[in-house]
Structure formats: C-alpha cells, structure tokens
Amino acid sequence: MPESCHDALFPCVTESYPEGWEVIAMEAAQGDRIVVHGRTVGSSDRHGVILEVRGEGGKPPYVVRFDDGHETVMYPGGDFAVEHGHST
C-alpha cells in the first residue's frame, strides 16, 4: 500500500481484487478543502472546496469551486489531496 494512504491529506480506502491488484479510492465530503498540486516545475497549486459529492459513499465525481471562483466537476488524480473537516 502506498505510504500516502496513511497520510491525513490523502485519505483513502483500499479494496483487494482476486488478481492481486489493489485499488485505492479517495473519499471526501461536502465542505472538504482540496488541493490540486501543480504538475510541472513552477506551476502553482490550486485550492478549492468541494460543493457536492456525486459518487456513492464519498467517492467521485466532486463538484469543486476553486478559490479563484472557477467551478468544475472533478475526478481526482494523483495530484489531488483532500483536507477533511472544513466547511464552505
């Protein structure tokens, strides 16, 4: 299991599959803050808040409003972190 699964900024659950694969699924709630880390040198992180969780049990997709006012529907990638316990 990746070390990031044990970090509070990367909350996740794991499920085992018969083939030996392990899937890590992110979970979030309305009001949680998110950070999307810049992918290239010099690019800045984007910060926002989850307005709506459209998946079952806290799973994506998420409706996110970034601090610059832009809203979008997101499926998190490896550059996505959740900070739990914040409110809108």
C-alpha atoms as a PDB file:
ATOM      1  CA  MET A   1       0.000   0.000   0.000  1.00  0.00           C
ATOM      2  CA  PRO A   2       1.442   3.442  -0.861  1.00  0.00           C
ATOM      3  CA  GLU A   3       2.663   5.451   2.094  1.00  0.00           C
ATOM      4  CA  SER A   4       0.320   8.321   1.130  1.00  0.00           C
ATOM      5  CA  CYS A   5      -2.647   6.189   2.208  1.00  0.00           C
ATOM      6  CA  HIS A   6      -1.551   6.686   5.802  1.00  0.00           C
ATOM      7  CA  ASP A   7      -1.273  10.471   5.500  1.00  0.00           C
ATOM      8  CA  ALA A   8      -4.267  12.551   6.671  1.00  0.00           C
ATOM      9  CA  LEU A   9      -4.077  14.663   3.498  1.00  0.00           C
ATOM     10  CA  PHE A  10      -4.568  11.576   1.346  1.00  0.00           C
ATOM     11  CA  PRO A  11      -7.500   9.729   2.922  1.00  0.00           C
ATOM     12  CA  CYS A  12      -8.375   6.575   1.078  1.00  0.00           C
ATOM     13  CA  VAL A  13      -9.720   3.094   1.343  1.00  0.00           C
ATOM     14  CA  THR A  14      -8.336   0.003  -0.301  1.00  0.00           C
ATOM     15  CA  GLU A  15     -10.077  -2.950  -1.838  1.00  0.00           C
ATOM     16  CA  SER A  16      -8.368  -6.204  -2.752  1.00  0.00           C
ATOM     17  CA  TYR A  17      -9.122  -7.936  -6.021  1.00  0.00           C
ATOM     18  CA  PRO A  18      -8.582 -11.641  -6.774  1.00  0.00           C
ATOM     19  CA  GLU A  19      -5.903 -10.889  -9.370  1.00  0.00           C
ATOM     20  CA  GLY A  20      -3.765  -9.353  -6.623  1.00  0.00           C
ATOM     21  CA  TRP A  21      -4.436  -5.785  -7.711  1.00  0.00           C
ATOM     22  CA  GLU A  22      -5.111  -3.203  -5.068  1.00  0.00           C
ATOM     23  CA  VAL A  23      -7.265  -0.152  -5.854  1.00  0.00           C
ATOM     24  CA  ILE A  24      -7.030   2.997  -3.787  1.00  0.00           C
ATOM     25  CA  ALA A  25     -10.203   5.091  -3.774  1.00  0.00           C
ATOM     26  CA  MET A  26     -10.388   8.610  -2.430  1.00  0.00           C
ATOM     27  CA  GLU A  27     -13.278   9.650  -0.204  1.00  0.00           C
ATOM     28  CA  ALA A  28     -14.415  13.200   0.513  1.00  0.00           C
ATOM     29  CA  ALA A  29     -17.400  15.117   1.868  1.00  0.00           C
ATOM     30  CA  GLN A  30     -19.152  18.354   1.039  1.00  0.00           C
ATOM     31  CA  GLY A  31     -17.182  21.231   2.586  1.00  0.00           C
ATOM     32  CA  ASP A  32     -13.800  19.489   2.481  1.00  0.00           C
ATOM     33  CA  ARG A  33     -10.959  21.619   1.118  1.00  0.00           C
ATOM     34  CA  ILE A  34      -8.952  20.268  -1.806  1.00  0.00           C
ATOM     35  CA  VAL A  35      -5.512  20.930  -3.225  1.00  0.00           C
ATOM     36  CA  VAL A  36      -4.548  20.075  -6.792  1.00  0.00           C
ATOM     37  CA  HIS A  37      -0.758  20.123  -6.920  1.00  0.00           C
ATOM     38  CA  GLY A  38       0.980  21.714  -9.900  1.00  0.00           C
ATOM     39  CA  ARG A  39       2.229  19.109 -12.353  1.00  0.00           C
ATOM     40  CA  THR A  40       5.238  20.941 -13.729  1.00  0.00           C
ATOM     41  CA  VAL A  41       8.111  22.900 -12.230  1.00  0.00           C
ATOM     42  CA  GLY A  42       6.958  26.436 -11.497  1.00  0.00           C
ATOM     43  CA  SER A  43       3.226  25.715 -11.715  1.00  0.00           C
ATOM     44  CA  SER A  44       1.286  26.611  -8.596  1.00  0.00           C
ATOM     45  CA  ASP A  45      -1.128  24.512  -6.579  1.00  0.00           C
ATOM     46  CA  ARG A  46      -4.868  25.150  -6.935  1.00  0.00           C
ATOM     47  CA  HIS A  47      -7.027  25.265  -3.810  1.00  0.00           C
ATOM     48  CA  GLY A  48     -10.796  24.914  -3.531  1.00  0.00           C
ATOM     49  CA  VAL A  49     -13.774  23.494  -1.692  1.00  0.00           C
ATOM     50  CA  ILE A  50     -15.989  20.512  -2.521  1.00  0.00           C
ATOM     51  CA  LEU A  51     -19.523  21.785  -3.075  1.00  0.00           C
ATOM     52  CA  GLU A  52     -21.108  18.437  -3.920  1.00  0.00           C
ATOM     53  CA  VAL A  53     -20.153  14.762  -3.852  1.00  0.00           C
ATOM     54  CA  ARG A  54     -21.888  12.960  -6.710  1.00  0.00           C
ATOM     55  CA  GLY A  55     -20.471   9.490  -6.081  1.00  0.00           C
ATOM     56  CA  GLU A  56     -21.711   6.959  -3.550  1.00  0.00           C
ATOM     57  CA  GLY A  57     -20.103   6.924  -0.102  1.00  0.00           C
ATOM     58  CA  GLY A  58     -17.908   9.975  -0.650  1.00  0.00           C
ATOM     59  CA  LYS A  59     -16.459   8.765  -3.933  1.00  0.00           C
ATOM     60  CA  PRO A  60     -16.039  10.985  -7.024  1.00  0.00           C
ATOM     61  CA  PRO A  61     -17.029  12.823  -9.052  1.00  0.00           C
ATOM     62  CA  TYR A  62     -16.852  16.032  -6.995  1.00  0.00           C
ATOM     63  CA  VAL A  63     -18.213  19.473  -7.834  1.00  0.00           C
ATOM     64  CA  VAL A  64     -15.413  21.841  -6.810  1.00  0.00           C
ATOM     65  CA  ARG A  65     -15.209  25.637  -6.523  1.00  0.00           C
ATOM     66  CA  PHE A  66     -11.627  26.842  -6.709  1.00  0.00           C
ATOM     67  CA  ASP A  67     -10.514  29.880  -4.749  1.00  0.00           C
ATOM     68  CA  ASP A  68     -10.430  31.899  -7.995  1.00  0.00           C
ATOM     69  CA  GLY A  69     -14.215  31.274  -8.388  1.00  0.00           C
ATOM     70  CA  HIS A  70     -13.960  28.650 -11.162  1.00  0.00           C
ATOM     71  CA  GLU A  71     -16.322  25.664 -10.660  1.00  0.00           C
ATOM     72  CA  THR A  72     -15.895  22.245 -12.250  1.00  0.00           C
ATOM     73  CA  VAL A  73     -16.717  18.553 -11.879  1.00  0.00           C
ATOM     74  CA  MET A  74     -13.593  16.559 -10.992  1.00  0.00           C
ATOM     75  CA  TYR A  75     -12.370  13.008 -10.727  1.00  0.00           C
ATOM     76  CA  PRO A  76      -9.233  13.153  -8.552  1.00  0.00           C
ATOM     77  CA  GLY A  77      -5.851  12.047  -9.823  1.00  0.00           C
ATOM     78  CA  GLY A  78      -2.528  11.529  -8.124  1.00  0.00           C
ATOM     79  CA  ASP A  79      -2.064  15.285  -7.807  1.00  0.00           C
ATOM     80  CA  PHE A  80      -5.257  15.720  -5.711  1.00  0.00           C
ATOM     81  CA  ALA A  81      -5.346  15.974  -1.902  1.00  0.00           C
ATOM     82  CA  VAL A  82      -8.300  16.371   0.489  1.00  0.00           C
ATOM     83  CA  GLU A  83      -8.256  18.259   3.794  1.00  0.00           C
ATOM     84  CA  HIS A  84     -11.196  16.919   5.826  1.00  0.00           C
ATOM     85  CA  GLY A  85     -13.325  18.807   8.309  1.00  0.00           C
ATOM     86  CA  HIS A  86     -13.627  22.202   6.671  1.00  0.00           C
ATOM     87  CA  SER A  87     -16.902  23.945   5.927  1.00  0.00           C
ATOM     88  CA  THR A  88     -17.998  26.053   2.965  1.00  0.00           C
END
